[in-house]
Amino acid sequence: MSYFVTITFDLENPSQSPHGTNVYSKITKDFDNIDFSRIVTGKRKIDRQLPSNTYVAEFDDDVDHQSEIAEFVKGELKKIFTKYSVKGKYFISVGKNWSWKFGTF
């Protein structure tokens, strides 16, 4: 069994970053490098694009507690925000017995 990790965030004034509004695509590339994606694949092998600024990843079940994964991800997120001189709020969720739904209204 694995852990499913979700990150979502909002940046404060991204246009004030030295990278401008292009900072979102740069953050996405950095998330790709640590195996986070903006795409989920369902049981029917259909890829679904997640809402903006939402990323997911699966982690192996080789840690003592899910809080270790949350702390690791928080540290990686902090490095990325610092790299691009941005600030903002974030939410990280880590679950072991997980499921998800995708849809639109």
PDB file of N, CA and C in Angstrom:
ATOM      1  N   MET A   1       0.843  -1.187   0.000  1.00  0.00           N
ATOM      2  CA  MET A   1       0.000   0.000   0.000  1.00  0.00           C
ATOM      3  C   MET A   1       0.879   1.238   0.000  1.00  0.00           C
ATOM      4  N   SER A   2       0.369   2.316  -0.551  1.00  0.00           N
ATOM      5  CA  SER A   2       1.131   3.551  -0.665  1.00  0.00           C
ATOM      6  C   SER A   2       0.385   4.709  -0.026  1.00  0.00           C
ATOM      7  N   TYR A   3       1.076   5.833   0.052  1.00  0.00           N
ATOM      8  CA  TYR A   3       0.474   7.077   0.518  1.00  0.00           C
ATOM      9  C   TYR A   3       0.155   7.943  -0.695  1.00  0.00           C
ATOM     10  N   PHE A   4      -0.986   8.592  -0.660  1.00  0.00           N
ATOM     11  CA  PHE A   4      -1.388   9.514  -1.716  1.00  0.00           C
ATOM     12  C   PHE A   4      -1.249  10.918  -1.137  1.00  0.00           C
ATOM     13  N   VAL A   5      -0.499  11.769  -1.817  1.00  0.00           N
ATOM     14  CA  VAL A   5      -0.199  13.108  -1.313  1.00  0.00           C
ATOM     15  C   VAL A   5      -0.773  14.149  -2.265  1.00  0.00           C
ATOM     16  N   THR A   6      -1.455  15.120  -1.694  1.00  0.00           N
ATOM     17  CA  THR A   6      -2.025  16.220  -2.462  1.00  0.00           C
ATOM     18  C   THR A   6      -1.439  17.533  -1.952  1.00  0.00           C
ATOM     19  N   ILE A   7      -1.027  18.382  -2.883  1.00  0.00           N
ATOM     20  CA  ILE A   7      -0.574  19.737  -2.563  1.00  0.00           C
ATOM     21  C   ILE A   7      -1.441  20.703  -3.357  1.00  0.00           C
ATOM     22  N   THR A   8      -1.878  21.754  -2.701  1.00  0.00           N
ATOM     23  CA  THR A   8      -2.509  22.862  -3.410  1.00  0.00           C
ATOM     24  C   THR A   8      -2.006  24.153  -2.774  1.00  0.00           C
ATOM     25  N   PHE A   9      -1.922  25.205  -3.559  1.00  0.00           N
ATOM     26  CA  PHE A   9      -1.380  26.462  -3.035  1.00  0.00           C
ATOM     27  C   PHE A   9      -1.913  27.654  -3.804  1.00  0.00           C
ATOM     28  N   ASP A  10      -1.814  28.805  -3.168  1.00  0.00           N
ATOM     29  CA  ASP A  10      -2.091  30.100  -3.783  1.00  0.00           C
ATOM     30  C   ASP A  10      -0.862  30.982  -3.568  1.00  0.00           C
ATOM     31  N   LEU A  11      -0.430  31.633  -4.613  1.00  0.00           N
ATOM     32  CA  LEU A  11       0.698  32.556  -4.504  1.00  0.00           C
ATOM     33  C   LEU A  11       0.194  33.972  -4.261  1.00  0.00           C
ATOM     34  N   GLU A  12       0.954  34.715  -3.453  1.00  0.00           N
ATOM     35  CA  GLU A  12       0.658  36.129  -3.235  1.00  0.00           C
ATOM     36  C   GLU A  12       1.416  36.938  -4.288  1.00  0.00           C
ATOM     37  N   ASN A  13       0.711  37.695  -5.103  1.00  0.00           N
ATOM     38  CA  ASN A  13       1.327  38.586  -6.095  1.00  0.00           C
ATOM     39  C   ASN A  13       2.408  37.898  -6.939  1.00  0.00           C
ATOM     40  N   PRO A  14       2.063  36.846  -7.663  1.00  0.00           N
ATOM     41  CA  PRO A  14       3.083  36.150  -8.457  1.00  0.00           C
ATOM     42  C   PRO A  14       3.746  37.047  -9.503  1.00  0.00           C
ATOM     43  N   SER A  15       3.053  38.076  -9.952  1.00  0.00           N
ATOM     44  CA  SER A  15       3.639  38.965 -10.960  1.00  0.00           C
ATOM     45  C   SER A  15       4.818  39.752 -10.392  1.00  0.00           C
ATOM     46  N   GLN A  16       4.937  39.818  -9.064  1.00  0.00           N
ATOM     47  CA  GLN A  16       6.054  40.519  -8.447  1.00  0.00           C
ATOM     48  C   GLN A  16       7.293  39.638  -8.326  1.00  0.00           C
ATOM     49  N   SER A  17       7.163  38.359  -8.650  1.00  0.00           N
ATOM     50  CA  SER A  17       8.312  37.464  -8.660  1.00  0.00           C
ATOM     51  C   SER A  17       9.237  37.883  -9.794  1.00  0.00           C
ATOM     52  N   PRO A  18      10.548  37.698  -9.648  1.00  0.00           N
ATOM     53  CA  PRO A  18      11.463  37.983 -10.758  1.00  0.00           C
ATOM     54  C   PRO A  18      11.139  37.151 -12.001  1.00  0.00           C
ATOM     55  N   HIS A  19      10.379  36.088 -11.828  1.00  0.00           N
ATOM     56  CA  HIS A  19       9.999  35.211 -12.938  1.00  0.00           C
ATOM     57  C   HIS A  19       8.633  35.561 -13.515  1.00  0.00           C
ATOM     58  N   GLY A  20       7.962  36.561 -12.936  1.00  0.00           N
ATOM     59  CA  GLY A  20       6.648  36.988 -13.424  1.00  0.00           C
ATOM     60  C   GLY A  20       5.606  35.895 -13.321  1.00  0.00           C
ATOM     61  N   THR A  21       4.542  36.025 -14.076  1.00  0.00           N
ATOM     62  CA  THR A  21       3.465  35.034 -14.015  1.00  0.00           C
ATOM     63  C   THR A  21       3.911  33.690 -14.592  1.00  0.00           C
ATOM     64  N   ASN A  22       5.028  33.666 -15.302  1.00  0.00           N
ATOM     65  CA  ASN A  22       5.611  32.420 -15.805  1.00  0.00           C
ATOM     66  C   ASN A  22       6.081  31.514 -14.663  1.00  0.00           C
ATOM     67  N   VAL A  23       6.071  32.039 -13.459  1.00  0.00           N
ATOM     68  CA  VAL A  23       6.532  31.283 -12.297  1.00  0.00           C
ATOM     69  C   VAL A  23       5.704  30.005 -12.100  1.00  0.00           C
ATOM     70  N   TYR A  24       4.439  30.021 -12.480  1.00  0.00           N
ATOM     71  CA  TYR A  24       3.600  28.825 -12.323  1.00  0.00           C
ATOM     72  C   TYR A  24       4.134  27.657 -13.149  1.00  0.00           C
ATOM     73  N   SER A  25       4.534  27.905 -14.372  1.00  0.00           N
ATOM     74  CA  SER A  25       5.054  26.812 -15.206  1.00  0.00           C
ATOM     75  C   SER A  25       6.398  26.324 -14.672  1.00  0.00           C
ATOM     76  N   LYS A  26       7.180  27.205 -14.095  1.00  0.00           N
ATOM     77  CA  LYS A  26       8.463  26.800 -13.516  1.00  0.00           C
ATOM     78  C   LYS A  26       8.245  25.959 -12.264  1.00  0.00           C
ATOM     79  N   ILE A  27       7.275  26.326 -11.455  1.00  0.00           N
ATOM     80  CA  ILE A  27       6.946  25.536 -10.270  1.00  0.00           C
ATOM     81  C   ILE A  27       6.458  24.148 -10.693  1.00  0.00           C
ATOM     82  N   THR A  28       5.639  24.087 -11.733  1.00  0.00           N
ATOM     83  CA  THR A  28       5.152  22.795 -12.233  1.00  0.00           C
ATOM     84  C   THR A  28       6.319  21.908 -12.647  1.00  0.00           C
ATOM     85  N   LYS A  29       7.318  22.462 -13.327  1.00  0.00           N
ATOM     86  CA  LYS A  29       8.489  21.672 -13.728  1.00  0.00           C
ATOM     87  C   LYS A  29       9.237  21.151 -12.508  1.00  0.00           C
ATOM     88  N   ASP A  30       9.362  21.975 -11.479  1.00  0.00           N
ATOM     89  CA  ASP A  30      10.035  21.518 -10.258  1.00  0.00           C
ATOM     90  C   ASP A  30       9.228  20.422  -9.563  1.00  0.00           C
ATOM     91  N   PHE A  31       7.911  20.543  -9.558  1.00  0.00           N
ATOM     92  CA  PHE A  31       7.077  19.481  -8.988  1.00  0.00           C
ATOM     93  C   PHE A  31       7.230  18.186  -9.786  1.00  0.00           C
ATOM     94  N   ASP A  32       7.326  18.303 -11.104  1.00  0.00           N
ATOM     95  CA  ASP A  32       7.566  17.116 -11.939  1.00  0.00           C
ATOM     96  C   ASP A  32       8.851  16.406 -11.514  1.00  0.00           C
ATOM     97  N   ASN A  33       9.869  17.182 -11.159  1.00  0.00           N
ATOM     98  CA  ASN A  33      11.158  16.612 -10.760  1.00  0.00           C
ATOM     99  C   ASN A  33      11.080  15.834  -9.452  1.00  0.00           C
ATOM    100  N   ILE A  34      10.072  16.097  -8.635  1.00  0.00           N
ATOM    101  CA  ILE A  34       9.907  15.333  -7.388  1.00  0.00           C
ATOM    102  C   ILE A  34       8.662  14.441  -7.480  1.00  0.00           C
ATOM    103  N   ASP A  35       8.297  14.102  -8.713  1.00  0.00           N
ATOM    104  CA  ASP A  35       7.238  13.122  -9.020  1.00  0.00           C
ATOM    105  C   ASP A  35       5.826  13.558  -8.652  1.00  0.00           C
ATOM    106  N   PHE A  36       5.586  14.858  -8.597  1.00  0.00           N
ATOM    107  CA  PHE A  36       4.223  15.355  -8.439  1.00  0.00           C
ATOM    108  C   PHE A  36       3.674  15.696  -9.813  1.00  0.00           C
ATOM    109  N   SER A  37       2.382  15.540  -9.979  1.00  0.00           N
ATOM    110  CA  SER A  37       1.768  15.760 -11.276  1.00  0.00           C
ATOM    111  C   SER A  37       0.456  16.520 -11.126  1.00  0.00           C
ATOM    112  N   ARG A  38       0.044  17.173 -12.197  1.00  0.00           N
ATOM    113  CA  ARG A  38      -1.267  17.830 -12.234  1.00  0.00           C
ATOM    114  C   ARG A  38      -2.276  16.923 -12.917  1.00  0.00           C
ATOM    115  N   ILE A  39      -1.900  15.657 -13.142  1.00  0.00           N
ATOM    116  CA  ILE A  39      -2.763  14.705 -13.828  1.00  0.00           C
ATOM    117  C   ILE A  39      -2.949  13.467 -12.943  1.00  0.00           C
ATOM    118  N   VAL A  40      -4.160  12.983 -12.852  1.00  0.00           N
ATOM    119  CA  VAL A  40      -4.447  11.710 -12.185  1.00  0.00           C
ATOM    120  C   VAL A  40      -5.007  10.753 -13.227  1.00  0.00           C
ATOM    121  N   THR A  41      -4.757   9.474 -13.007  1.00  0.00           N
ATOM    122  CA  THR A  41      -5.251   8.446 -13.917  1.00  0.00           C
ATOM    123  C   THR A  41      -6.176   7.521 -13.144  1.00  0.00           C
ATOM    124  N   GLY A  42      -7.376   7.350 -13.646  1.00  0.00           N
ATOM    125  CA  GLY A  42      -8.364   6.513 -12.977  1.00  0.00           C
ATOM    126  C   GLY A  42      -8.235   5.041 -13.324  1.00  0.00           C
ATOM    127  N   LYS A  43      -9.137   4.248 -12.772  1.00  0.00           N
ATOM    128  CA  LYS A  43      -9.145   2.805 -13.003  1.00  0.00           C
ATOM    129  C   LYS A  43      -9.264   2.455 -14.481  1.00  0.00           C
ATOM    130  N   ARG A  44      -9.943   3.284 -15.223  1.00  0.00           N
ATOM    131  CA  ARG A  44     -10.119   3.034 -16.655  1.00  0.00           C
ATOM    132  C   ARG A  44      -8.971   3.599 -17.490  1.00  0.00           C
ATOM    133  N   LYS A  45      -7.897   3.981 -16.810  1.00  0.00           N
ATOM    134  CA  LYS A  45      -6.689   4.495 -17.461  1.00  0.00           C
ATOM    135  C   LYS A  45      -6.934   5.776 -18.245  1.00  0.00           C
ATOM    136  N   ILE A  46      -7.872   6.574 -17.761  1.00  0.00           N
ATOM    137  CA  ILE A  46      -8.165   7.868 -18.378  1.00  0.00           C
ATOM    138  C   ILE A  46      -7.475   8.949 -17.550  1.00  0.00           C
ATOM    139  N   ASP A  47      -6.660   9.764 -18.204  1.00  0.00           N
ATOM    140  CA  ASP A  47      -5.972  10.864 -17.530  1.00  0.00           C
ATOM    141  C   ASP A  47      -6.932  12.028 -17.327  1.00  0.00           C
ATOM    142  N   ARG A  48      -6.867  12.625 -16.137  1.00  0.00           N
ATOM    143  CA  ARG A  48      -7.691  13.790 -15.801  1.00  0.00           C
ATOM    144  C   ARG A  48      -6.795  14.913 -15.308  1.00  0.00           C
ATOM    145  N   GLN A  49      -6.993  16.102 -15.852  1.00  0.00           N
ATOM    146  CA  GLN A  49      -6.252  17.289 -15.434  1.00  0.00           C
ATOM    147  C   GLN A  49      -6.846  17.810 -14.131  1.00  0.00           C
ATOM    148  N   LEU A  50      -6.004  18.001 -13.124  1.00  0.00           N
ATOM    149  CA  LEU A  50      -6.453  18.530 -11.843  1.00  0.00           C
ATOM    150  C   LEU A  50      -6.684  20.036 -11.927  1.00  0.00           C
ATOM    151  N   PRO A  51      -7.430  20.595 -10.971  1.00  0.00           N
ATOM    152  CA  PRO A  51      -7.599  22.050 -10.928  1.00  0.00           C
ATOM    153  C   PRO A  51      -6.243  22.760 -10.798  1.00  0.00           C
ATOM    154  N   SER A  52      -6.209  24.003 -11.195  1.00  0.00           N
ATOM    155  CA  SER A  52      -4.976  24.792 -11.139  1.00  0.00           C
ATOM    156  C   SER A  52      -4.341  24.730  -9.754  1.00  0.00           C
ATOM    157  N   ASN A  53      -3.028  24.675  -9.749  1.00  0.00           N
ATOM    158  CA  ASN A  53      -2.222  24.695  -8.519  1.00  0.00           C
ATOM    159  C   ASN A  53      -2.506  23.523  -7.586  1.00  0.00           C
ATOM    160  N   THR A  54      -2.955  22.410  -8.141  1.00  0.00           N
ATOM    161  CA  THR A  54      -3.155  21.185  -7.374  1.00  0.00           C
ATOM    162  C   THR A  54      -2.288  20.099  -7.992  1.00  0.00           C
ATOM    163  N   TYR A  55      -1.522  19.444  -7.142  1.00  0.00           N
ATOM    164  CA  TYR A  55      -0.577  18.421  -7.584  1.00  0.00           C
ATOM    165  C   TYR A  55      -0.719  17.190  -6.702  1.00  0.00           C
ATOM    166  N   VAL A  56      -0.477  16.017  -7.272  1.00  0.00           N
ATOM    167  CA  VAL A  56      -0.578  14.773  -6.513  1.00  0.00           C
ATOM    168  C   VAL A  56       0.627  13.881  -6.802  1.00  0.00           C
ATOM    169  N   ALA A  57       0.883  12.969  -5.846  1.00  0.00           N
ATOM    170  CA  ALA A  57       1.938  11.972  -6.004  1.00  0.00           C
ATOM    171  C   ALA A  57       1.624  10.791  -5.099  1.00  0.00           C
ATOM    172  N   GLU A  58       2.195   9.653  -5.425  1.00  0.00           N
ATOM    173  CA  GLU A  58       2.121   8.479  -4.559  1.00  0.00           C
ATOM    174  C   GLU A  58       3.504   8.241  -3.981  1.00  0.00           C
ATOM    175  N   PHE A  59       3.548   7.932  -2.687  1.00  0.00           N
ATOM    176  CA  PHE A  59       4.798   7.617  -2.004  1.00  0.00           C
ATOM    177  C   PHE A  59       4.718   6.190  -1.489  1.00  0.00           C
ATOM    178  N   ASP A  60       5.839   5.496  -1.516  1.00  0.00           N
ATOM    179  CA  ASP A  60       5.892   4.133  -0.995  1.00  0.00           C
ATOM    180  C   ASP A  60       5.621   4.118   0.496  1.00  0.00           C
ATOM    181  N   ASP A  61       5.162   2.991   0.944  1.00  0.00           N
ATOM    182  CA  ASP A  61       4.823   2.798   2.356  1.00  0.00           C
ATOM    183  C   ASP A  61       6.067   2.353   3.137  1.00  0.00           C
ATOM    184  N   ASP A  62       7.134   3.149   3.079  1.00  0.00           N
ATOM    185  CA  ASP A  62       8.365   2.764   3.771  1.00  0.00           C
ATOM    186  C   ASP A  62       8.784   3.796   4.825  1.00  0.00           C
ATOM    187  N   VAL A  63       7.814   4.502   5.366  1.00  0.00           N
ATOM    188  CA  VAL A  63       8.082   5.458   6.443  1.00  0.00           C
ATOM    189  C   VAL A  63       7.278   5.051   7.668  1.00  0.00           C
ATOM    190  N   ASP A  64       7.705   5.535   8.831  1.00  0.00           N
ATOM    191  CA  ASP A  64       7.026   5.175  10.072  1.00  0.00           C
ATOM    192  C   ASP A  64       5.663   5.847  10.216  1.00  0.00           C
ATOM    193  N   HIS A  65       5.544   7.061   9.709  1.00  0.00           N
ATOM    194  CA  HIS A  65       4.286   7.797   9.882  1.00  0.00           C
ATOM    195  C   HIS A  65       4.096   8.761   8.723  1.00  0.00           C
ATOM    196  N   GLN A  66       2.860   8.979   8.357  1.00  0.00           N
ATOM    197  CA  GLN A  66       2.574   9.862   7.231  1.00  0.00           C
ATOM    198  C   GLN A  66       3.004  11.295   7.481  1.00  0.00           C
ATOM    199  N   SER A  67       3.164  11.677   8.737  1.00  0.00           N
ATOM    200  CA  SER A  67       3.621  13.040   9.023  1.00  0.00           C
ATOM    201  C   SER A  67       5.044  13.257   8.506  1.00  0.00           C
ATOM    202  N   GLU A  68       5.841  12.182   8.399  1.00  0.00           N
ATOM    203  CA  GLU A  68       7.187  12.311   7.824  1.00  0.00           C
ATOM    204  C   GLU A  68       7.104  12.740   6.364  1.00  0.00           C
ATOM    205  N   ILE A  69       6.158  12.176   5.639  1.00  0.00           N
ATOM    206  CA  ILE A  69       5.981  12.548   4.236  1.00  0.00           C
ATOM    207  C   ILE A  69       5.519  13.991   4.140  1.00  0.00           C
ATOM    208  N   ALA A  70       4.571  14.383   4.997  1.00  0.00           N
ATOM    209  CA  ALA A  70       4.075  15.761   4.985  1.00  0.00           C
ATOM    210  C   ALA A  70       5.214  16.742   5.257  1.00  0.00           C
ATOM    211  N   GLU A  71       6.093  16.424   6.191  1.00  0.00           N
ATOM    212  CA  GLU A  71       7.226  17.306   6.497  1.00  0.00           C
ATOM    213  C   GLU A  71       8.209  17.355   5.334  1.00  0.00           C
ATOM    214  N   PHE A  72       8.465  16.210   4.705  1.00  0.00           N
ATOM    215  CA  PHE A  72       9.351  16.183   3.535  1.00  0.00           C
ATOM    216  C   PHE A  72       8.789  17.058   2.424  1.00  0.00           C
ATOM    217  N   VAL A  73       7.505  16.890   2.123  1.00  0.00           N
ATOM    218  CA  VAL A  73       6.873  17.655   1.047  1.00  0.00           C
ATOM    219  C   VAL A  73       6.868  19.147   1.379  1.00  0.00           C
ATOM    220  N   LYS A  74       6.596  19.474   2.626  1.00  0.00           N
ATOM    221  CA  LYS A  74       6.635  20.881   3.053  1.00  0.00           C
ATOM    222  C   LYS A  74       8.019  21.475   2.807  1.00  0.00           C
ATOM    223  N   GLY A  75       9.067  20.728   3.117  1.00  0.00           N
ATOM    224  CA  GLY A  75      10.430  21.199   2.891  1.00  0.00           C
ATOM    225  C   GLY A  75      10.729  21.419   1.415  1.00  0.00           C
ATOM    226  N   GLU A  76      10.258  20.501   0.571  1.00  0.00           N
ATOM    227  CA  GLU A  76      10.459  20.644  -0.876  1.00  0.00           C
ATOM    228  C   GLU A  76       9.686  21.849  -1.417  1.00  0.00           C
ATOM    229  N   LEU A  77       8.474  22.044  -0.924  1.00  0.00           N
ATOM    230  CA  LEU A  77       7.665  23.184  -1.348  1.00  0.00           C
ATOM    231  C   LEU A  77       8.331  24.494  -0.935  1.00  0.00           C
ATOM    232  N   LYS A  78       8.877  24.523   0.264  1.00  0.00           N
ATOM    233  CA  LYS A  78       9.569  25.725   0.740  1.00  0.00           C
ATOM    234  C   LYS A  78      10.775  26.034  -0.144  1.00  0.00           C
ATOM    235  N   LYS A  79      11.527  24.999  -0.533  1.00  0.00           N
ATOM    236  CA  LYS A  79      12.677  25.208  -1.425  1.00  0.00           C
ATOM    237  C   LYS A  79      12.235  25.816  -2.758  1.00  0.00           C
ATOM    238  N   ILE A  80      11.138  25.307  -3.294  1.00  0.00           N
ATOM    239  CA  ILE A  80      10.635  25.799  -4.579  1.00  0.00           C
ATOM    240  C   ILE A  80      10.170  27.243  -4.454  1.00  0.00           C
ATOM    241  N   PHE A  81       9.408  27.558  -3.399  1.00  0.00           N
ATOM    242  CA  PHE A  81       8.943  28.935  -3.202  1.00  0.00           C
ATOM    243  C   PHE A  81      10.132  29.890  -3.041  1.00  0.00           C
ATOM    244  N   THR A  82      11.138  29.460  -2.294  1.00  0.00           N
ATOM    245  CA  THR A  82      12.326  30.291  -2.088  1.00  0.00           C
ATOM    246  C   THR A  82      13.079  30.489  -3.398  1.00  0.00           C
ATOM    247  N   LYS A  83      13.213  29.419  -4.172  1.00  0.00           N
ATOM    248  CA  LYS A  83      13.926  29.478  -5.463  1.00  0.00           C
ATOM    249  C   LYS A  83      13.332  30.538  -6.382  1.00  0.00           C
ATOM    250  N   TYR A  84      12.005  30.663  -6.375  1.00  0.00           N
ATOM    251  CA  TYR A  84      11.336  31.601  -7.276  1.00  0.00           C
ATOM    252  C   TYR A  84      10.885  32.888  -6.585  1.00  0.00           C
ATOM    253  N   SER A  85      11.328  33.092  -5.358  1.00  0.00           N
ATOM    254  CA  SER A  85      11.039  34.324  -4.600  1.00  0.00           C
ATOM    255  C   SER A  85       9.544  34.609  -4.534  1.00  0.00           C
ATOM    256  N   VAL A  86       8.754  33.571  -4.215  1.00  0.00           N
ATOM    257  CA  VAL A  86       7.316  33.749  -4.071  1.00  0.00           C
ATOM    258  C   VAL A  86       6.889  33.362  -2.662  1.00  0.00           C
ATOM    259  N   LYS A  87       5.744  33.882  -2.275  1.00  0.00           N
ATOM    260  CA  LYS A  87       5.136  33.567  -0.986  1.00  0.00           C
ATOM    261  C   LYS A  87       3.694  33.185  -1.241  1.00  0.00           C
ATOM    262  N   GLY A  88       3.127  32.482  -0.295  1.00  0.00           N
ATOM    263  CA  GLY A  88       1.725  32.121  -0.424  1.00  0.00           C
ATOM    264  C   GLY A  88       1.343  31.069   0.601  1.00  0.00           C
ATOM    265  N   LYS A  89       0.085  30.682   0.537  1.00  0.00           N
ATOM    266  CA  LYS A  89      -0.394  29.652   1.458  1.00  0.00           C
ATOM    267  C   LYS A  89      -0.486  28.325   0.711  1.00  0.00           C
ATOM    268  N   TYR A  90      -0.381  27.241   1.484  1.00  0.00           N
ATOM    269  CA  TYR A  90      -0.410  25.911   0.892  1.00  0.00           C
ATOM    270  C   TYR A  90      -1.213  24.953   1.771  1.00  0.00           C
ATOM    271  N   PHE A  91      -1.591  23.845   1.179  1.00  0.00           N
ATOM    272  CA  PHE A  91      -2.265  22.766   1.899  1.00  0.00           C
ATOM    273  C   PHE A  91      -1.668  21.455   1.404  1.00  0.00           C
ATOM    274  N   ILE A  92      -1.221  20.622   2.340  1.00  0.00           N
ATOM    275  CA  ILE A  92      -0.670  19.310   2.024  1.00  0.00           C
ATOM    276  C   ILE A  92      -1.506  18.271   2.750  1.00  0.00           C
ATOM    277  N   SER A  93      -1.930  17.261   2.018  1.00  0.00           N
ATOM    278  CA  SER A  93      -2.698  16.167   2.610  1.00  0.00           C
ATOM    279  C   SER A  93      -2.007  14.852   2.263  1.00  0.00           C
ATOM    280  N   VAL A  94      -1.864  13.984   3.267  1.00  0.00           N
ATOM    281  CA  VAL A  94      -1.242  12.675   3.071  1.00  0.00           C
ATOM    282  C   VAL A  94      -2.197  11.628   3.625  1.00  0.00           C
ATOM    283  N   GLY A  95      -2.529  10.636   2.809  1.00  0.00           N
ATOM    284  CA  GLY A  95      -3.439   9.589   3.255  1.00  0.00           C
ATOM    285  C   GLY A  95      -2.979   8.219   2.797  1.00  0.00           C
ATOM    286  N   LYS A  96      -3.267   7.228   3.623  1.00  0.00           N
ATOM    287  CA  LYS A  96      -2.860   5.869   3.294  1.00  0.00           C
ATOM    288  C   LYS A  96      -3.988   5.089   2.632  1.00  0.00           C
ATOM    289  N   ASN A  97      -5.143   5.076   3.198  1.00  0.00           N
ATOM    290  CA  ASN A  97      -6.299   4.386   2.613  1.00  0.00           C
ATOM    291  C   ASN A  97      -7.118   5.422   1.876  1.00  0.00           C
ATOM    292  N   TRP A  98      -6.725   5.719   0.672  1.00  0.00           N
ATOM    293  CA  TRP A  98      -7.259   6.862  -0.046  1.00  0.00           C
ATOM    294  C   TRP A  98      -8.141   6.451  -1.209  1.00  0.00           C
ATOM    295  N   SER A  99      -8.968   7.387  -1.572  1.00  0.00           N
ATOM    296  CA  SER A  99      -9.720   7.291  -2.815  1.00  0.00           C
ATOM    297  C   SER A  99      -9.949   8.719  -3.286  1.00  0.00           C
ATOM    298  N   TRP A 100     -10.289   8.875  -4.542  1.00  0.00           N
ATOM    299  CA  TRP A 100     -10.547  10.218  -5.050  1.00  0.00           C
ATOM    300  C   TRP A 100     -11.627  10.160  -6.097  1.00  0.00           C
ATOM    301  N   LYS A 101     -12.234  11.302  -6.318  1.00  0.00           N
ATOM    302  CA  LYS A 101     -13.267  11.488  -7.342  1.00  0.00           C
ATOM    303  C   LYS A 101     -12.880  12.684  -8.176  1.00  0.00           C
ATOM    304  N   PHE A 102     -13.209  12.628  -9.425  1.00  0.00           N
ATOM    305  CA  PHE A 102     -12.938  13.729 -10.329  1.00  0.00           C
ATOM    306  C   PHE A 102     -14.232  14.077 -11.042  1.00  0.00           C
ATOM    307  N   GLY A 103     -14.491  15.342 -11.215  1.00  0.00           N
ATOM    308  CA  GLY A 103     -15.699  15.715 -11.939  1.00  0.00           C
ATOM    309  C   GLY A 103     -15.789  17.207 -12.171  1.00  0.00           C
ATOM    310  N   THR A 104     -16.836  17.579 -12.826  1.00  0.00           N
ATOM    311  CA  THR A 104     -17.133  18.996 -13.065  1.00  0.00           C
ATOM    312  C   THR A 104     -18.619  19.224 -12.793  1.00  0.00           C
ATOM    313  N   PHE A 105     -18.954  20.456 -12.501  1.00  0.00           N
ATOM    314  CA  PHE A 105     -20.349  20.848 -12.314  1.00  0.00           C
ATOM    315  C   PHE A 105     -20.678  21.959 -13.265  1.00  0.00           C
TER     316      PHE A 105
END
